[in-house]
């Protein structure tokens, strides 16, 4: 059975956007059995010697798939999709396109959104943050405008079918849901809502909030 290392607790702003949600969402979509291994962020368990043997960076999430240990949310989601034979196109070029969009989600779209999220939630009162925020907003707007054009003519990034790359991309978009930027990109906003309306995501999010509130 797959063991998933998740947050047992986390700073409040992070609880709604933590990357373990991406892995749990994929597992629920794929119907793969799994168990949780919550780690206590407040007590430093992410930096414990035991966990650093799983993930040398001390980050969440990681998995142990019957002895195959893997970290990084995009790598895990793609691994699970390959393992199950679902959420990825059947042809090689289609799978490569899915990988492209997975990389785009975490390497191109996510970084400016993480920077804006971090600044807004952890440094909003700082003078340097206020000065830097317009540039961050412009960077995020540019990414959203590009996505808006892509999603104008298709419901999901690869076309008509929801897939692994959509889990990653729509999860990344949650990082800026505290801003008005998504509303300005109507196709992106509709895409995010479409992805998050899936029963698997709703189940995972509810259980995630319940676990972190305990």
N, C-alpha and C. Protein backbone atom coordinates (compact mmCIF):
# COMPACT_ATOMS: atom_id res chain seq x y z
N UNK A 1 0.83 -1.20 0.00
CA UNK A 1 0.00 0.00 0.00
C UNK A 1 0.88 1.26 0.00
N UNK A 2 0.37 2.30 -0.59
CA UNK A 2 1.11 3.56 -0.69
C UNK A 2 0.98 4.34 0.61
N UNK A 3 2.11 4.73 1.17
CA UNK A 3 2.13 5.62 2.33
C UNK A 3 2.37 7.03 1.85
N UNK A 4 1.53 7.95 2.30
CA UNK A 4 1.64 9.35 1.89
C UNK A 4 2.02 10.18 3.12
N UNK A 5 3.14 10.86 3.03
CA UNK A 5 3.56 11.76 4.10
C UNK A 5 2.88 13.11 3.89
N UNK A 6 2.07 13.50 4.88
CA UNK A 6 1.26 14.70 4.77
C UNK A 6 1.48 15.58 6.00
N UNK A 7 0.95 16.78 5.93
CA UNK A 7 0.99 17.67 7.09
C UNK A 7 0.03 17.16 8.16
N UNK A 8 0.53 17.05 9.40
CA UNK A 8 -0.34 16.82 10.53
C UNK A 8 -0.82 18.15 11.09
N UNK A 9 -0.01 19.17 10.91
CA UNK A 9 -0.39 20.55 11.17
C UNK A 9 0.51 21.43 10.32
N UNK A 10 0.09 22.67 10.13
CA UNK A 10 0.85 23.59 9.27
C UNK A 10 0.42 25.01 9.59
N UNK A 11 1.24 26.00 9.24
CA UNK A 11 0.81 27.39 9.42
C UNK A 11 -0.53 27.63 8.74
N UNK A 12 -1.41 28.39 9.38
CA UNK A 12 -2.79 28.51 8.91
C UNK A 12 -2.91 28.91 7.44
N UNK A 13 -2.16 29.90 6.94
CA UNK A 13 -2.34 30.26 5.52
C UNK A 13 -2.03 29.11 4.56
N UNK A 14 -1.16 28.21 4.98
CA UNK A 14 -0.72 27.12 4.12
C UNK A 14 -1.74 26.00 4.03
N UNK A 15 -2.61 25.88 5.02
CA UNK A 15 -3.48 24.70 5.09
C UNK A 15 -4.38 24.55 3.88
N UNK A 16 -4.74 25.65 3.24
CA UNK A 16 -5.67 25.59 2.12
C UNK A 16 -4.99 25.31 0.78
N UNK A 17 -3.65 25.36 0.78
CA UNK A 17 -2.93 25.24 -0.49
C UNK A 17 -1.76 24.25 -0.43
N UNK A 18 -1.65 23.49 0.63
CA UNK A 18 -0.48 22.62 0.80
C UNK A 18 -0.40 21.58 -0.33
N UNK A 19 0.81 21.23 -0.69
CA UNK A 19 1.02 20.40 -1.88
C UNK A 19 0.63 18.94 -1.66
N UNK A 20 0.45 18.50 -0.43
CA UNK A 20 -0.02 17.13 -0.23
C UNK A 20 -1.44 16.93 -0.78
N UNK A 21 -2.21 18.03 -0.88
CA UNK A 21 -3.55 17.94 -1.48
C UNK A 21 -3.49 17.39 -2.90
N UNK A 22 -2.46 17.74 -3.64
CA UNK A 22 -2.34 17.31 -5.04
C UNK A 22 -2.21 15.79 -5.13
N UNK A 23 -1.40 15.24 -4.27
CA UNK A 23 -1.16 13.79 -4.27
C UNK A 23 -2.41 13.04 -3.82
N UNK A 24 -3.03 13.53 -2.76
CA UNK A 24 -4.24 12.87 -2.25
C UNK A 24 -5.36 12.94 -3.28
N UNK A 25 -5.46 14.05 -3.97
CA UNK A 25 -6.47 14.19 -5.03
C UNK A 25 -6.23 13.15 -6.12
N UNK A 26 -4.99 13.00 -6.56
CA UNK A 26 -4.69 12.02 -7.59
C UNK A 26 -5.04 10.61 -7.12
N UNK A 27 -4.70 10.28 -5.89
CA UNK A 27 -4.99 8.95 -5.36
C UNK A 27 -6.49 8.68 -5.34
N UNK A 28 -7.27 9.67 -4.95
CA UNK A 28 -8.72 9.49 -4.93
C UNK A 28 -9.28 9.35 -6.34
N UNK A 29 -8.80 10.16 -7.26
CA UNK A 29 -9.26 10.06 -8.65
C UNK A 29 -8.96 8.68 -9.23
N UNK A 30 -7.80 8.14 -8.86
CA UNK A 30 -7.34 6.88 -9.43
C UNK A 30 -7.85 5.66 -8.67
N UNK A 31 -8.38 5.88 -7.48
CA UNK A 31 -8.90 4.75 -6.69
C UNK A 31 -7.81 3.85 -6.14
N UNK A 32 -6.62 4.39 -5.93
CA UNK A 32 -5.52 3.59 -5.38
C UNK A 32 -5.57 3.60 -3.86
N UNK A 33 -5.36 2.44 -3.22
CA UNK A 33 -5.37 2.41 -1.75
C UNK A 33 -4.13 3.10 -1.18
N UNK A 34 -4.32 3.79 -0.09
CA UNK A 34 -3.20 4.51 0.53
C UNK A 34 -3.48 4.71 2.01
N UNK A 35 -2.42 5.02 2.72
CA UNK A 35 -2.54 5.38 4.14
C UNK A 35 -1.73 6.65 4.37
N UNK A 36 -2.14 7.40 5.38
CA UNK A 36 -1.50 8.66 5.68
C UNK A 36 -0.46 8.51 6.78
N UNK A 37 0.63 9.25 6.63
CA UNK A 37 1.63 9.39 7.69
C UNK A 37 1.76 10.88 7.98
N UNK A 38 0.93 11.41 8.90
CA UNK A 38 0.99 12.84 9.19
C UNK A 38 2.27 13.20 9.94
N UNK A 39 2.83 14.34 9.60
CA UNK A 39 4.03 14.84 10.28
C UNK A 39 3.70 16.14 10.98
N UNK A 40 4.24 16.30 12.18
CA UNK A 40 3.99 17.46 13.01
C UNK A 40 4.96 18.57 12.64
N UNK A 41 4.46 19.53 11.87
CA UNK A 41 5.29 20.65 11.44
C UNK A 41 5.78 21.45 12.65
N UNK A 42 4.88 21.70 13.60
CA UNK A 42 5.21 22.54 14.75
C UNK A 42 6.34 21.96 15.59
N UNK A 43 6.43 20.64 15.63
CA UNK A 43 7.47 19.99 16.44
C UNK A 43 8.72 19.65 15.62
N UNK A 44 8.74 20.08 14.38
CA UNK A 44 9.93 19.90 13.57
C UNK A 44 10.11 18.52 12.96
N UNK A 45 9.02 17.75 12.86
CA UNK A 45 9.16 16.39 12.34
C UNK A 45 9.56 16.35 10.87
N UNK A 46 9.31 17.43 10.14
CA UNK A 46 9.72 17.44 8.73
C UNK A 46 11.24 17.48 8.59
N UNK A 47 11.93 17.91 9.63
CA UNK A 47 13.39 17.99 9.59
C UNK A 47 14.03 16.89 10.44
N UNK A 48 13.24 15.92 10.85
CA UNK A 48 13.80 14.83 11.65
C UNK A 48 14.69 13.94 10.79
N UNK A 49 15.67 13.27 11.38
CA UNK A 49 16.54 12.36 10.60
C UNK A 49 15.73 11.29 9.87
N UNK A 50 14.66 10.81 10.50
CA UNK A 50 13.85 9.76 9.87
C UNK A 50 13.21 10.27 8.58
N UNK A 51 12.62 11.47 8.65
CA UNK A 51 11.96 11.96 7.45
C UNK A 51 12.94 12.45 6.40
N UNK A 52 14.07 12.96 6.82
CA UNK A 52 15.07 13.41 5.84
C UNK A 52 15.63 12.25 5.02
N UNK A 53 15.48 11.04 5.54
CA UNK A 53 15.86 9.87 4.73
C UNK A 53 14.82 9.60 3.64
N UNK A 54 13.62 10.09 3.84
CA UNK A 54 12.56 9.97 2.83
C UNK A 54 12.66 11.12 1.84
N UNK A 55 12.76 12.33 2.37
CA UNK A 55 12.86 13.53 1.54
C UNK A 55 13.99 14.39 2.09
N UNK A 56 15.12 14.42 1.42
CA UNK A 56 16.28 15.15 1.95
C UNK A 56 16.05 16.65 2.10
N UNK A 57 15.01 17.18 1.45
CA UNK A 57 14.70 18.60 1.57
C UNK A 57 13.75 18.90 2.73
N UNK A 58 13.22 17.85 3.34
CA UNK A 58 12.33 18.04 4.47
C UNK A 58 11.03 18.74 4.11
N UNK A 59 10.48 18.43 2.94
CA UNK A 59 9.26 19.05 2.47
C UNK A 59 8.15 18.02 2.35
N UNK A 60 6.92 18.52 2.29
CA UNK A 60 5.73 17.71 2.06
C UNK A 60 5.22 18.02 0.66
N UNK A 61 4.81 16.99 -0.11
CA UNK A 61 4.58 15.60 0.24
C UNK A 61 5.72 14.69 -0.20
N UNK A 62 5.65 13.46 0.31
CA UNK A 62 6.47 12.35 -0.19
C UNK A 62 5.60 11.10 -0.13
N UNK A 63 6.01 10.07 -0.85
CA UNK A 63 5.30 8.79 -0.75
C UNK A 63 6.31 7.66 -0.64
N UNK A 64 5.83 6.56 -0.09
CA UNK A 64 6.55 5.29 -0.12
C UNK A 64 5.61 4.28 -0.76
N UNK A 65 5.88 3.95 -2.00
CA UNK A 65 5.03 3.05 -2.78
C UNK A 65 5.64 1.65 -2.73
N UNK A 66 5.36 0.94 -1.63
CA UNK A 66 5.91 -0.40 -1.43
C UNK A 66 7.42 -0.43 -1.63
N UNK A 67 8.10 0.54 -1.03
CA UNK A 67 9.55 0.58 -1.08
C UNK A 67 10.12 1.56 -2.08
N UNK A 68 9.30 2.03 -3.00
CA UNK A 68 9.75 3.05 -3.94
C UNK A 68 9.41 4.42 -3.35
N UNK A 69 10.43 5.14 -2.93
CA UNK A 69 10.25 6.42 -2.25
C UNK A 69 10.38 7.55 -3.26
N UNK A 70 9.45 8.50 -3.17
CA UNK A 70 9.39 9.57 -4.16
C UNK A 70 8.92 10.85 -3.48
N UNK A 71 9.54 11.97 -3.87
CA UNK A 71 9.07 13.27 -3.41
C UNK A 71 8.88 14.18 -4.61
N UNK A 72 8.38 15.38 -4.37
CA UNK A 72 7.96 16.38 -5.36
C UNK A 72 6.56 16.02 -5.89
N UNK A 73 5.62 16.94 -5.67
CA UNK A 73 4.22 16.64 -5.98
C UNK A 73 3.98 16.29 -7.44
N UNK A 74 4.63 17.00 -8.36
CA UNK A 74 4.40 16.71 -9.78
C UNK A 74 4.92 15.32 -10.15
N UNK A 75 6.10 14.98 -9.65
CA UNK A 75 6.65 13.64 -9.92
C UNK A 75 5.74 12.56 -9.36
N UNK A 76 5.20 12.80 -8.17
CA UNK A 76 4.34 11.80 -7.55
C UNK A 76 3.04 11.64 -8.33
N UNK A 77 2.42 12.75 -8.70
CA UNK A 77 1.15 12.67 -9.43
C UNK A 77 1.35 11.95 -10.76
N UNK A 78 2.42 12.25 -11.47
CA UNK A 78 2.68 11.57 -12.75
C UNK A 78 2.98 10.09 -12.53
N UNK A 79 3.72 9.77 -11.48
CA UNK A 79 4.00 8.37 -11.16
C UNK A 79 2.71 7.60 -10.90
N UNK A 80 1.83 8.18 -10.10
CA UNK A 80 0.57 7.51 -9.78
C UNK A 80 -0.29 7.30 -11.02
N UNK A 81 -0.31 8.30 -11.90
CA UNK A 81 -1.08 8.17 -13.13
C UNK A 81 -0.51 7.07 -14.02
N UNK A 82 0.82 7.03 -14.14
CA UNK A 82 1.46 5.96 -14.92
C UNK A 82 1.19 4.60 -14.29
N UNK A 83 1.26 4.53 -12.98
CA UNK A 83 1.06 3.27 -12.27
C UNK A 83 -0.33 2.69 -12.52
N UNK A 84 -1.33 3.58 -12.52
CA UNK A 84 -2.70 3.13 -12.66
C UNK A 84 -3.17 3.02 -14.10
N UNK A 85 -2.46 3.73 -15.00
CA UNK A 85 -2.88 3.74 -16.39
C UNK A 85 -4.05 4.67 -16.66
N UNK A 86 -4.27 5.62 -15.75
CA UNK A 86 -5.36 6.58 -15.92
C UNK A 86 -4.83 8.00 -15.72
N UNK A 87 -5.66 8.97 -16.12
CA UNK A 87 -5.34 10.40 -16.02
C UNK A 87 -4.19 10.83 -16.93
N UNK A 88 -3.81 9.97 -17.85
CA UNK A 88 -2.82 10.30 -18.86
C UNK A 88 -3.28 9.78 -20.21
N UNK A 89 -2.94 10.47 -21.30
CA UNK A 89 -3.27 9.95 -22.63
C UNK A 89 -2.60 8.60 -22.88
N UNK A 90 -3.18 7.82 -23.77
CA UNK A 90 -2.64 6.49 -24.04
C UNK A 90 -1.41 6.54 -24.94
N UNK A 91 -1.29 7.56 -25.79
CA UNK A 91 -0.19 7.61 -26.73
C UNK A 91 1.02 8.35 -26.14
N UNK A 92 2.19 8.07 -26.67
CA UNK A 92 3.43 8.63 -26.14
C UNK A 92 3.45 10.14 -26.24
N UNK A 93 3.05 10.67 -27.38
CA UNK A 93 3.07 12.12 -27.54
C UNK A 93 2.08 12.80 -26.59
N UNK A 94 0.94 12.17 -26.39
CA UNK A 94 -0.03 12.71 -25.45
C UNK A 94 0.50 12.73 -24.03
N UNK A 95 1.18 11.66 -23.63
CA UNK A 95 1.76 11.62 -22.29
C UNK A 95 2.86 12.66 -22.14
N UNK A 96 3.63 12.86 -23.21
CA UNK A 96 4.67 13.89 -23.16
C UNK A 96 4.05 15.28 -23.04
N UNK A 97 2.94 15.52 -23.70
CA UNK A 97 2.24 16.80 -23.56
C UNK A 97 1.73 16.98 -22.13
N UNK A 98 1.26 15.90 -21.53
CA UNK A 98 0.82 15.97 -20.13
C UNK A 98 1.99 16.31 -19.22
N UNK A 99 3.14 15.72 -19.48
CA UNK A 99 4.34 16.03 -18.70
C UNK A 99 4.74 17.49 -18.89
N UNK A 100 4.65 17.96 -20.12
CA UNK A 100 4.94 19.37 -20.41
C UNK A 100 4.08 20.28 -19.54
N UNK A 101 2.78 20.01 -19.47
CA UNK A 101 1.88 20.87 -18.70
C UNK A 101 2.09 20.70 -17.21
N UNK A 102 2.50 19.52 -16.79
CA UNK A 102 2.83 19.33 -15.38
C UNK A 102 4.03 20.19 -15.01
N UNK A 103 5.05 20.18 -15.87
CA UNK A 103 6.22 21.02 -15.64
C UNK A 103 5.85 22.51 -15.69
N UNK A 104 5.00 22.88 -16.65
CA UNK A 104 4.58 24.28 -16.75
C UNK A 104 3.87 24.73 -15.48
N UNK A 105 3.04 23.85 -14.93
CA UNK A 105 2.30 24.19 -13.72
C UNK A 105 3.24 24.53 -12.57
N UNK A 106 4.24 23.67 -12.34
CA UNK A 106 5.08 23.85 -11.15
C UNK A 106 6.33 24.68 -11.41
N UNK A 107 6.75 24.82 -12.66
CA UNK A 107 7.99 25.56 -12.97
C UNK A 107 7.74 26.96 -13.53
N UNK A 108 6.63 27.15 -14.25
CA UNK A 108 6.36 28.43 -14.90
C UNK A 108 5.24 29.20 -14.21
N UNK A 109 4.15 28.52 -13.92
CA UNK A 109 2.99 29.20 -13.33
C UNK A 109 3.14 29.37 -11.82
N UNK A 110 3.62 28.36 -11.15
CA UNK A 110 3.62 28.38 -9.68
C UNK A 110 4.59 29.39 -9.05
N UNK A 111 5.83 29.54 -9.51
CA UNK A 111 6.77 30.40 -8.77
C UNK A 111 6.29 31.82 -8.49
N UNK A 112 5.78 32.58 -9.49
CA UNK A 112 5.32 33.92 -9.14
C UNK A 112 4.12 33.91 -8.21
N UNK A 113 3.30 32.86 -8.29
CA UNK A 113 2.14 32.77 -7.41
C UNK A 113 2.56 32.45 -5.99
N UNK A 114 3.55 31.59 -5.84
CA UNK A 114 4.09 31.30 -4.51
C UNK A 114 4.67 32.57 -3.89
N UNK A 115 5.39 33.33 -4.70
CA UNK A 115 6.00 34.55 -4.18
C UNK A 115 4.94 35.54 -3.72
N UNK A 116 3.87 35.70 -4.51
CA UNK A 116 2.80 36.61 -4.13
C UNK A 116 2.07 36.10 -2.88
N UNK A 117 1.78 34.81 -2.85
CA UNK A 117 1.11 34.21 -1.69
C UNK A 117 1.93 34.40 -0.42
N UNK A 118 3.21 34.10 -0.51
CA UNK A 118 4.09 34.19 0.66
C UNK A 118 4.18 35.63 1.16
N UNK A 119 4.33 36.55 0.25
CA UNK A 119 4.45 37.94 0.64
C UNK A 119 3.16 38.44 1.27
N UNK A 120 2.01 38.10 0.66
CA UNK A 120 0.73 38.59 1.17
C UNK A 120 0.40 38.03 2.54
N UNK A 121 0.80 36.79 2.80
CA UNK A 121 0.41 36.14 4.05
C UNK A 121 1.46 36.25 5.15
N UNK A 122 2.69 36.49 4.79
CA UNK A 122 3.74 36.46 5.81
C UNK A 122 4.56 37.76 5.90
N UNK A 123 4.33 38.69 4.96
CA UNK A 123 5.12 39.94 5.00
C UNK A 123 4.32 41.14 4.52
N UNK A 124 3.01 41.06 4.64
CA UNK A 124 2.16 42.10 4.05
C UNK A 124 2.42 43.48 4.63
N UNK A 125 2.80 43.56 5.89
CA UNK A 125 3.01 44.85 6.52
C UNK A 125 4.36 45.48 6.29
N UNK A 126 5.25 44.75 5.63
CA UNK A 126 6.61 45.25 5.43
C UNK A 126 6.64 46.27 4.28
N UNK A 127 7.44 47.31 4.46
CA UNK A 127 7.54 48.35 3.42
C UNK A 127 8.05 47.78 2.11
N UNK A 128 9.06 46.90 2.18
CA UNK A 128 9.61 46.32 0.96
C UNK A 128 8.58 45.49 0.22
N UNK A 129 7.69 44.82 0.99
CA UNK A 129 6.67 43.98 0.37
C UNK A 129 5.65 44.84 -0.38
N UNK A 130 5.25 45.94 0.23
CA UNK A 130 4.31 46.84 -0.43
C UNK A 130 4.89 47.41 -1.72
N UNK A 131 6.17 47.71 -1.68
CA UNK A 131 6.83 48.26 -2.86
C UNK A 131 6.95 47.22 -3.97
N UNK A 132 7.17 45.97 -3.58
CA UNK A 132 7.41 44.91 -4.56
C UNK A 132 6.12 44.31 -5.11
N UNK A 133 5.01 44.50 -4.40
CA UNK A 133 3.77 43.80 -4.76
C UNK A 133 3.26 44.11 -6.17
N UNK A 134 3.27 45.35 -6.65
CA UNK A 134 2.78 45.59 -8.01
C UNK A 134 3.51 44.76 -9.07
N UNK A 135 4.81 44.59 -8.90
CA UNK A 135 5.56 43.78 -9.87
C UNK A 135 5.15 42.32 -9.78
N UNK A 136 4.91 41.83 -8.57
CA UNK A 136 4.45 40.45 -8.41
C UNK A 136 3.08 40.26 -9.04
N UNK A 137 2.20 41.21 -8.80
CA UNK A 137 0.85 41.13 -9.37
C UNK A 137 0.93 41.10 -10.90
N UNK A 138 1.80 41.91 -11.47
CA UNK A 138 1.94 41.94 -12.93
C UNK A 138 2.44 40.61 -13.46
N UNK A 139 3.38 39.99 -12.76
CA UNK A 139 3.90 38.69 -13.19
C UNK A 139 2.80 37.63 -13.18
N UNK A 140 2.00 37.63 -12.11
CA UNK A 140 0.91 36.65 -12.02
C UNK A 140 -0.14 36.93 -13.09
N UNK A 141 -0.47 38.18 -13.31
CA UNK A 141 -1.44 38.53 -14.35
C UNK A 141 -0.99 38.03 -15.72
N UNK A 142 0.30 38.14 -15.98
CA UNK A 142 0.83 37.67 -17.26
C UNK A 142 0.64 36.17 -17.42
N UNK A 143 0.93 35.42 -16.36
CA UNK A 143 0.75 33.97 -16.41
C UNK A 143 -0.73 33.62 -16.61
N UNK A 144 -1.59 34.32 -15.89
CA UNK A 144 -3.02 34.04 -16.00
C UNK A 144 -3.56 34.41 -17.37
N UNK A 145 -3.06 35.47 -17.96
CA UNK A 145 -3.50 35.86 -19.30
C UNK A 145 -3.13 34.79 -20.33
N UNK A 146 -1.94 34.24 -20.18
CA UNK A 146 -1.52 33.17 -21.08
C UNK A 146 -2.43 31.96 -20.92
N UNK A 147 -2.69 31.57 -19.68
CA UNK A 147 -3.57 30.42 -19.43
C UNK A 147 -4.98 30.69 -19.92
N UNK A 148 -5.43 31.92 -19.77
CA UNK A 148 -6.79 32.26 -20.19
C UNK A 148 -6.96 32.04 -21.69
N UNK A 149 -5.94 32.39 -22.45
CA UNK A 149 -6.00 32.18 -23.90
C UNK A 149 -5.99 30.69 -24.24
N UNK A 150 -5.22 29.92 -23.50
CA UNK A 150 -5.15 28.47 -23.73
C UNK A 150 -6.50 27.82 -23.43
N UNK A 151 -7.13 28.24 -22.34
CA UNK A 151 -8.36 27.60 -21.87
C UNK A 151 -9.62 28.19 -22.50
N UNK A 152 -9.46 29.11 -23.40
CA UNK A 152 -10.61 29.73 -24.06
C UNK A 152 -11.40 28.72 -24.87
N UNK A 153 -10.70 27.78 -25.51
CA UNK A 153 -11.36 26.86 -26.43
C UNK A 153 -11.38 25.41 -25.95
N UNK A 154 -10.94 25.16 -24.71
CA UNK A 154 -10.94 23.78 -24.23
C UNK A 154 -11.16 23.75 -22.72
N UNK A 155 -11.85 22.73 -22.24
CA UNK A 155 -12.18 22.67 -20.82
C UNK A 155 -11.00 22.30 -19.93
N UNK A 156 -10.05 21.55 -20.47
CA UNK A 156 -8.88 21.13 -19.71
C UNK A 156 -7.62 21.37 -20.54
N UNK A 157 -6.45 21.31 -19.92
CA UNK A 157 -5.26 21.76 -20.63
C UNK A 157 -4.92 20.90 -21.85
N UNK A 158 -5.32 19.63 -21.83
CA UNK A 158 -5.04 18.78 -22.99
C UNK A 158 -6.25 18.62 -23.90
N UNK A 159 -7.33 19.28 -23.57
CA UNK A 159 -8.51 19.17 -24.42
C UNK A 159 -9.75 18.85 -23.62
N UNK A 160 -10.43 17.76 -23.99
CA UNK A 160 -11.72 17.46 -23.38
C UNK A 160 -11.69 16.61 -22.15
N UNK A 161 -10.55 16.02 -21.81
CA UNK A 161 -10.50 15.08 -20.69
C UNK A 161 -9.67 15.64 -19.54
N UNK A 162 -10.20 15.52 -18.33
CA UNK A 162 -9.48 15.89 -17.12
C UNK A 162 -8.33 14.91 -16.93
N UNK A 163 -7.16 15.43 -16.50
CA UNK A 163 -6.00 14.55 -16.34
C UNK A 163 -5.06 14.99 -15.23
N UNK A 164 -3.94 14.31 -15.15
CA UNK A 164 -2.96 14.55 -14.09
C UNK A 164 -2.46 16.00 -14.09
N UNK A 165 -2.23 16.55 -15.28
CA UNK A 165 -1.73 17.92 -15.35
C UNK A 165 -2.74 18.91 -14.80
N UNK A 166 -4.03 18.60 -14.92
CA UNK A 166 -5.06 19.49 -14.39
C UNK A 166 -5.07 19.50 -12.87
N UNK A 167 -4.77 18.37 -12.26
CA UNK A 167 -4.64 18.34 -10.79
C UNK A 167 -3.58 19.34 -10.36
N UNK A 168 -2.45 19.29 -11.01
CA UNK A 168 -1.34 20.16 -10.63
C UNK A 168 -1.64 21.63 -10.93
N UNK A 169 -2.13 21.90 -12.12
CA UNK A 169 -2.35 23.30 -12.50
C UNK A 169 -3.46 23.94 -11.67
N UNK A 170 -4.58 23.26 -11.51
CA UNK A 170 -5.67 23.86 -10.75
C UNK A 170 -5.30 24.02 -9.28
N UNK A 171 -4.48 23.11 -8.75
CA UNK A 171 -4.02 23.25 -7.37
C UNK A 171 -3.11 24.48 -7.22
N UNK A 172 -2.27 24.72 -8.21
CA UNK A 172 -1.41 25.89 -8.20
C UNK A 172 -2.24 27.18 -8.18
N UNK A 173 -3.33 27.21 -8.89
CA UNK A 173 -4.17 28.41 -8.97
C UNK A 173 -4.76 28.79 -7.62
N UNK A 174 -4.86 27.83 -6.72
CA UNK A 174 -5.38 28.13 -5.38
C UNK A 174 -4.50 29.13 -4.64
N UNK A 175 -3.26 29.24 -5.05
CA UNK A 175 -2.34 30.15 -4.38
C UNK A 175 -2.74 31.62 -4.50
N UNK A 176 -3.52 31.94 -5.53
CA UNK A 176 -3.91 33.35 -5.71
C UNK A 176 -5.42 33.54 -5.58
N UNK A 177 -6.09 32.59 -4.98
CA UNK A 177 -7.53 32.73 -4.83
C UNK A 177 -7.91 33.79 -3.78
N UNK A 178 -6.92 34.27 -3.03
CA UNK A 178 -7.18 35.36 -2.07
C UNK A 178 -7.12 36.73 -2.74
N UNK A 179 -6.80 36.77 -4.01
CA UNK A 179 -6.69 38.02 -4.75
C UNK A 179 -7.83 38.12 -5.78
N UNK A 180 -8.03 39.30 -6.39
CA UNK A 180 -9.03 39.43 -7.45
C UNK A 180 -8.53 38.98 -8.83
N UNK A 181 -7.32 38.46 -8.89
CA UNK A 181 -6.71 38.18 -10.19
C UNK A 181 -7.43 37.09 -10.96
N UNK A 182 -7.91 36.07 -10.29
CA UNK A 182 -8.59 34.99 -10.99
C UNK A 182 -9.87 35.48 -11.66
N UNK A 183 -10.57 36.38 -11.00
CA UNK A 183 -11.81 36.90 -11.57
C UNK A 183 -11.57 37.65 -12.87
N UNK A 184 -10.36 38.16 -13.03
CA UNK A 184 -10.01 38.90 -14.25
C UNK A 184 -9.70 37.96 -15.41
N UNK A 185 -9.48 36.69 -15.11
CA UNK A 185 -9.19 35.69 -16.14
C UNK A 185 -10.34 34.68 -16.14
N UNK A 186 -11.41 34.99 -16.83
CA UNK A 186 -12.66 34.25 -16.67
C UNK A 186 -12.56 32.78 -17.08
N UNK A 187 -11.76 32.49 -18.08
CA UNK A 187 -11.64 31.09 -18.50
C UNK A 187 -10.83 30.29 -17.47
N UNK A 188 -9.84 30.93 -16.89
CA UNK A 188 -9.05 30.27 -15.85
C UNK A 188 -9.91 30.05 -14.61
N UNK A 189 -10.70 31.05 -14.24
CA UNK A 189 -11.57 30.92 -13.08
C UNK A 189 -12.58 29.79 -13.27
N UNK A 190 -13.15 29.70 -14.47
CA UNK A 190 -14.11 28.63 -14.75
C UNK A 190 -13.43 27.27 -14.74
N UNK A 191 -12.22 27.23 -15.25
CA UNK A 191 -11.43 25.98 -15.25
C UNK A 191 -11.15 25.51 -13.82
N UNK A 192 -10.72 26.42 -12.97
CA UNK A 192 -10.45 26.08 -11.58
C UNK A 192 -11.71 25.54 -10.90
N UNK A 193 -12.81 26.22 -11.11
CA UNK A 193 -14.08 25.78 -10.52
C UNK A 193 -14.49 24.41 -11.05
N UNK A 194 -14.28 24.19 -12.35
CA UNK A 194 -14.63 22.91 -12.97
C UNK A 194 -13.81 21.78 -12.35
N UNK A 195 -12.52 22.01 -12.18
CA UNK A 195 -11.66 20.98 -11.59
C UNK A 195 -12.03 20.72 -10.14
N UNK A 196 -12.25 21.79 -9.39
CA UNK A 196 -12.49 21.64 -7.96
C UNK A 196 -13.90 21.13 -7.64
N UNK A 197 -14.77 21.08 -8.63
CA UNK A 197 -16.11 20.54 -8.41
C UNK A 197 -16.11 19.01 -8.42
N UNK A 198 -15.00 18.41 -8.77
CA UNK A 198 -14.93 16.95 -8.84
C UNK A 198 -15.04 16.35 -7.44
N UNK A 199 -15.80 15.27 -7.29
CA UNK A 199 -16.00 14.67 -5.97
C UNK A 199 -14.70 14.29 -5.27
N UNK A 200 -13.71 13.83 -6.02
CA UNK A 200 -12.44 13.42 -5.40
C UNK A 200 -11.78 14.60 -4.70
N UNK A 201 -11.78 15.75 -5.34
CA UNK A 201 -11.16 16.92 -4.71
C UNK A 201 -11.95 17.36 -3.49
N UNK A 202 -13.26 17.40 -3.59
CA UNK A 202 -14.07 17.84 -2.46
C UNK A 202 -13.86 16.93 -1.25
N UNK A 203 -13.75 15.63 -1.49
CA UNK A 203 -13.53 14.68 -0.40
C UNK A 203 -12.18 14.93 0.26
N UNK A 204 -11.15 15.06 -0.57
CA UNK A 204 -9.80 15.25 -0.05
C UNK A 204 -9.69 16.56 0.73
N UNK A 205 -10.27 17.63 0.21
CA UNK A 205 -10.18 18.92 0.88
C UNK A 205 -10.89 18.89 2.23
N UNK A 206 -12.06 18.28 2.28
CA UNK A 206 -12.80 18.20 3.54
C UNK A 206 -12.03 17.40 4.58
N UNK A 207 -11.47 16.26 4.17
CA UNK A 207 -10.71 15.43 5.10
C UNK A 207 -9.42 16.13 5.54
N UNK A 208 -8.82 16.85 4.62
CA UNK A 208 -7.59 17.60 4.91
C UNK A 208 -7.86 18.66 5.99
N UNK A 209 -8.93 19.42 5.84
CA UNK A 209 -9.26 20.46 6.82
C UNK A 209 -9.61 19.83 8.17
N UNK A 210 -10.31 18.72 8.12
CA UNK A 210 -10.67 18.04 9.36
C UNK A 210 -9.42 17.55 10.09
N UNK A 211 -8.48 17.00 9.34
CA UNK A 211 -7.24 16.48 9.95
C UNK A 211 -6.43 17.60 10.56
N UNK A 212 -6.28 18.70 9.85
CA UNK A 212 -5.45 19.79 10.35
C UNK A 212 -6.12 20.58 11.47
N UNK A 213 -7.43 20.45 11.58
CA UNK A 213 -8.14 21.15 12.66
C UNK A 213 -8.15 20.35 13.95
N UNK A 214 -7.77 19.08 13.87
CA UNK A 214 -7.84 18.20 15.06
C UNK A 214 -6.79 18.60 16.10
